N, C-alpha and C. Protein backbone atom coordinates (compact mmCIF):
# COMPACT_ATOMS: atom_id res chain seq x y z
N MET A 1 0.89 -1.15 -0.02
CA MET A 1 -0.04 0.05 -0.03
C MET A 1 0.95 1.31 -0.02
N LYS A 2 0.58 2.22 -0.92
CA LYS A 2 1.27 3.42 -0.88
C LYS A 2 0.34 4.58 -0.74
N THR A 3 0.94 5.63 -0.23
CA THR A 3 0.03 6.73 0.14
C THR A 3 0.55 7.98 -0.65
N PHE A 4 -0.24 8.74 -1.30
CA PHE A 4 0.13 9.94 -2.03
C PHE A 4 -0.91 11.08 -1.63
N THR A 5 -0.41 12.23 -1.79
CA THR A 5 -1.36 13.16 -1.76
C THR A 5 -1.95 13.43 -2.98
N VAL A 6 -3.09 14.12 -3.33
CA VAL A 6 -3.61 14.36 -4.54
C VAL A 6 -2.58 15.08 -5.62
N GLN A 7 -1.79 16.03 -5.03
CA GLN A 7 -1.01 16.70 -5.79
C GLN A 7 0.17 15.80 -6.18
N GLU A 8 0.72 14.97 -5.53
CA GLU A 8 1.69 14.06 -5.78
C GLU A 8 1.24 12.98 -6.88
N ALA A 9 -0.01 12.62 -6.55
CA ALA A 9 -0.70 11.68 -7.67
C ALA A 9 -0.78 12.21 -9.03
N LYS A 10 -1.10 13.48 -9.00
CA LYS A 10 -1.17 14.29 -10.33
C LYS A 10 0.02 14.20 -11.04
N GLU A 11 0.99 14.69 -10.27
CA GLU A 11 2.56 14.69 -10.77
C GLU A 11 2.95 13.22 -11.26
N ASN A 12 2.62 12.32 -10.53
CA ASN A 12 3.35 10.82 -10.79
C ASN A 12 2.18 9.92 -11.09
N LEU A 13 1.38 10.21 -11.97
CA LEU A 13 0.12 9.36 -12.24
C LEU A 13 0.59 7.99 -12.86
N ASP A 14 1.54 8.07 -13.59
CA ASP A 14 2.08 6.81 -14.24
C ASP A 14 2.56 5.93 -13.08
N LYS A 15 3.22 6.38 -12.15
CA LYS A 15 3.67 5.59 -10.88
C LYS A 15 2.38 5.09 -10.12
N VAL A 16 1.52 5.76 -9.85
CA VAL A 16 0.32 5.49 -9.17
C VAL A 16 -0.49 4.39 -9.83
N LEU A 17 -0.73 4.63 -11.10
CA LEU A 17 -1.53 3.60 -11.87
C LEU A 17 -0.66 2.31 -11.90
N GLU A 18 0.67 2.29 -12.04
CA GLU A 18 1.34 1.20 -12.27
C GLU A 18 1.41 0.21 -10.91
N HIS A 19 1.44 1.04 -9.86
CA HIS A 19 1.31 0.31 -8.57
C HIS A 19 0.03 -0.31 -8.39
N ALA A 20 -1.11 0.38 -8.80
CA ALA A 20 -2.51 -0.14 -8.71
C ALA A 20 -2.63 -1.33 -9.65
N ASN A 21 -2.00 -1.44 -10.96
CA ASN A 21 -2.13 -2.39 -11.63
C ASN A 21 -1.44 -3.62 -11.26
N GLU A 22 -0.39 -3.50 -10.48
CA GLU A 22 0.49 -4.64 -9.90
C GLU A 22 -0.38 -5.28 -8.71
N GLY A 23 -1.49 -4.67 -8.49
CA GLY A 23 -2.22 -5.43 -7.37
C GLY A 23 -2.15 -4.73 -6.11
N GLY A 24 -1.38 -3.66 -6.13
CA GLY A 24 -1.33 -2.70 -4.83
C GLY A 24 -2.42 -1.83 -4.76
N THR A 25 -2.60 -1.29 -3.38
CA THR A 25 -3.60 -0.41 -3.09
C THR A 25 -2.96 0.95 -3.00
N VAL A 26 -3.70 2.02 -3.46
CA VAL A 26 -3.07 3.35 -3.38
C VAL A 26 -4.11 4.18 -2.68
N ILE A 27 -3.47 4.86 -1.54
CA ILE A 27 -4.40 5.82 -0.74
C ILE A 27 -4.02 7.16 -1.18
N LEU A 28 -5.02 8.04 -1.50
CA LEU A 28 -4.86 9.36 -1.87
C LEU A 28 -5.35 10.18 -0.78
N ILE A 29 -4.57 11.22 -0.32
CA ILE A 29 -5.01 12.05 0.88
C ILE A 29 -5.31 13.39 0.07
N GLY A 30 -6.47 13.65 0.27
CA GLY A 30 -7.02 15.21 -0.22
C GLY A 30 -6.63 16.34 0.66
N GLU A 31 -6.92 17.52 0.16
CA GLU A 31 -6.55 18.78 0.92
C GLU A 31 -7.42 18.75 2.07
N ASP A 32 -8.59 18.23 2.18
CA ASP A 32 -9.22 18.27 3.43
C ASP A 32 -9.15 17.06 4.36
N ASP A 33 -7.93 16.43 4.08
CA ASP A 33 -7.60 15.21 4.87
C ASP A 33 -8.48 14.05 4.80
N LYS A 34 -9.26 14.05 3.67
CA LYS A 34 -10.09 12.86 3.43
C LYS A 34 -9.20 11.82 2.63
N ALA A 35 -9.30 10.59 2.91
CA ALA A 35 -8.60 9.42 2.24
C ALA A 35 -9.43 8.86 1.15
N TYR A 36 -8.87 8.78 0.04
CA TYR A 36 -9.64 8.00 -1.09
C TYR A 36 -8.55 6.82 -1.52
N GLU A 37 -9.18 5.65 -1.61
CA GLU A 37 -8.53 4.46 -1.90
C GLU A 37 -8.72 4.23 -3.45
N LEU A 38 -7.67 3.82 -3.96
CA LEU A 38 -7.62 3.54 -5.66
C LEU A 38 -7.32 2.23 -5.68
N VAL A 39 -8.00 1.30 -6.24
CA VAL A 39 -7.83 -0.06 -6.68
C VAL A 39 -8.09 -0.52 -8.06
N ALA A 40 -7.31 -1.00 -8.63
CA ALA A 40 -7.45 -1.41 -10.17
C ALA A 40 -8.44 -2.47 -10.21
N THR A 41 -9.48 -2.37 -11.18
CA THR A 41 -10.25 -3.40 -11.25
C THR A 41 -10.44 -3.74 -12.84
N ILE A 42 -10.88 -4.83 -13.16
CA ILE A 42 -11.06 -5.24 -14.63
C ILE A 42 -12.55 -5.11 -14.94
N ILE A 43 -12.94 -4.25 -15.89
CA ILE A 43 -14.32 -4.21 -16.20
C ILE A 43 -14.44 -5.05 -17.51
N PRO A 44 -15.27 -6.13 -17.40
CA PRO A 44 -15.43 -6.90 -18.68
C PRO A 44 -16.21 -6.13 -19.67
N LYS A 45 -15.79 -6.46 -20.93
CA LYS A 45 -16.35 -5.84 -22.04
C LYS A 45 -17.72 -6.54 -22.32
N LYS A 46 -18.66 -5.60 -22.68
CA LYS A 46 -20.01 -6.25 -22.86
C LYS A 46 -20.13 -6.39 -24.46
N GLY A 47 -20.58 -7.55 -24.98
CA GLY A 47 -20.75 -7.62 -26.27
C GLY A 47 -22.15 -6.70 -26.70
N PRO A 48 -22.48 -6.91 -27.96
CA PRO A 48 -23.82 -6.19 -28.43
C PRO A 48 -24.91 -6.72 -27.76
N ARG A 49 -25.88 -5.87 -27.50
CA ARG A 49 -27.16 -6.60 -26.95
C ARG A 49 -27.88 -7.26 -28.00
N LYS A 50 -28.50 -8.42 -27.38
CA LYS A 50 -29.22 -9.41 -28.27
C LYS A 50 -30.65 -9.11 -28.32
N ALA A 51 -31.23 -8.76 -29.41
CA ALA A 51 -32.72 -8.56 -29.32
C ALA A 51 -33.40 -9.80 -29.07
N GLY A 52 -34.59 -9.76 -28.32
CA GLY A 52 -35.42 -10.69 -28.00
C GLY A 52 -34.91 -11.76 -26.99
N LEU A 53 -33.98 -11.20 -26.10
CA LEU A 53 -33.39 -11.87 -25.07
C LEU A 53 -34.50 -12.36 -23.89
N PHE A 54 -35.58 -11.64 -23.82
CA PHE A 54 -36.64 -11.83 -22.86
C PHE A 54 -37.96 -12.38 -23.50
N LYS A 55 -37.97 -12.59 -24.65
CA LYS A 55 -39.12 -12.90 -25.37
C LYS A 55 -39.76 -14.01 -24.71
N ASP A 56 -41.10 -13.85 -24.56
CA ASP A 56 -41.95 -15.00 -23.95
C ASP A 56 -41.78 -14.99 -22.27
N GLN A 57 -40.94 -14.07 -21.69
CA GLN A 57 -40.85 -14.11 -20.40
C GLN A 57 -41.69 -13.19 -19.66
N ILE A 58 -42.39 -12.30 -20.25
CA ILE A 58 -43.35 -11.31 -19.78
C ILE A 58 -44.65 -11.41 -20.40
N LYS A 59 -45.66 -11.66 -19.61
CA LYS A 59 -47.09 -11.70 -20.10
C LYS A 59 -47.79 -10.58 -19.87
N ILE A 60 -48.48 -9.77 -20.71
CA ILE A 60 -49.38 -8.64 -20.43
C ILE A 60 -50.91 -9.10 -20.85
N THR A 61 -51.54 -9.11 -19.81
CA THR A 61 -52.88 -9.57 -20.09
C THR A 61 -53.71 -8.39 -20.34
N ASN A 62 -55.02 -8.52 -20.73
CA ASN A 62 -55.83 -7.42 -21.26
C ASN A 62 -56.16 -6.54 -19.95
N GLU A 63 -56.09 -7.05 -18.84
CA GLU A 63 -56.45 -6.33 -17.63
C GLU A 63 -55.43 -5.08 -17.50
N PHE A 64 -54.32 -5.29 -18.09
CA PHE A 64 -53.20 -4.07 -17.92
C PHE A 64 -53.87 -2.98 -18.66
N TYR A 65 -54.60 -3.06 -19.74
CA TYR A 65 -55.14 -1.83 -20.48
C TYR A 65 -56.48 -1.30 -19.96
N GLU A 66 -56.95 -1.75 -18.85
CA GLU A 66 -58.19 -1.34 -18.27
C GLU A 66 -57.84 -0.08 -17.43
N PRO A 67 -58.70 0.78 -17.32
CA PRO A 67 -58.30 1.93 -16.42
C PRO A 67 -58.19 1.68 -15.01
N LEU A 68 -57.42 2.46 -14.34
CA LEU A 68 -57.20 2.24 -12.98
C LEU A 68 -58.40 2.87 -12.31
N PRO A 69 -58.84 2.04 -10.99
CA PRO A 69 -59.96 2.56 -10.29
C PRO A 69 -59.77 4.04 -9.91
N GLU A 70 -58.52 4.44 -9.65
CA GLU A 70 -58.27 5.90 -8.92
C GLU A 70 -58.76 6.86 -9.93
N PHE A 71 -58.80 6.50 -11.23
CA PHE A 71 -58.86 7.47 -12.36
C PHE A 71 -60.39 7.39 -12.88
N LYS A 72 -61.20 6.55 -12.23
CA LYS A 72 -62.59 6.57 -12.69
C LYS A 72 -63.36 7.82 -12.68
N PRO A 73 -63.18 8.67 -11.61
CA PRO A 73 -63.83 9.92 -11.39
C PRO A 73 -63.61 10.72 -12.66
N TYR A 74 -62.30 10.90 -13.08
CA TYR A 74 -61.85 11.58 -14.19
C TYR A 74 -62.33 11.17 -15.59
N MET A 75 -62.75 9.96 -15.61
CA MET A 75 -63.17 9.33 -16.91
C MET A 75 -64.59 9.55 -17.18
N GLU A 76 -65.35 10.03 -16.13
CA GLU A 76 -66.78 10.11 -16.25
C GLU A 76 -67.18 11.39 -17.02
């Protein structure tokens, strides 16, 4: 684990990211003495969305299209 101030991290961004990529944890200390933890993660790439993925899993009955009882006074 390495600790940097935000200003040091800005000046040495390559070193900070390299340490995080190697599995290390980086702690950034802000001007207000708040600590921020920087951890490298791998975000999986998503492929294109497939149309019809949830086909036949949702059923909409005719009751869905009937007016709600709360709106009956407005419909008259």
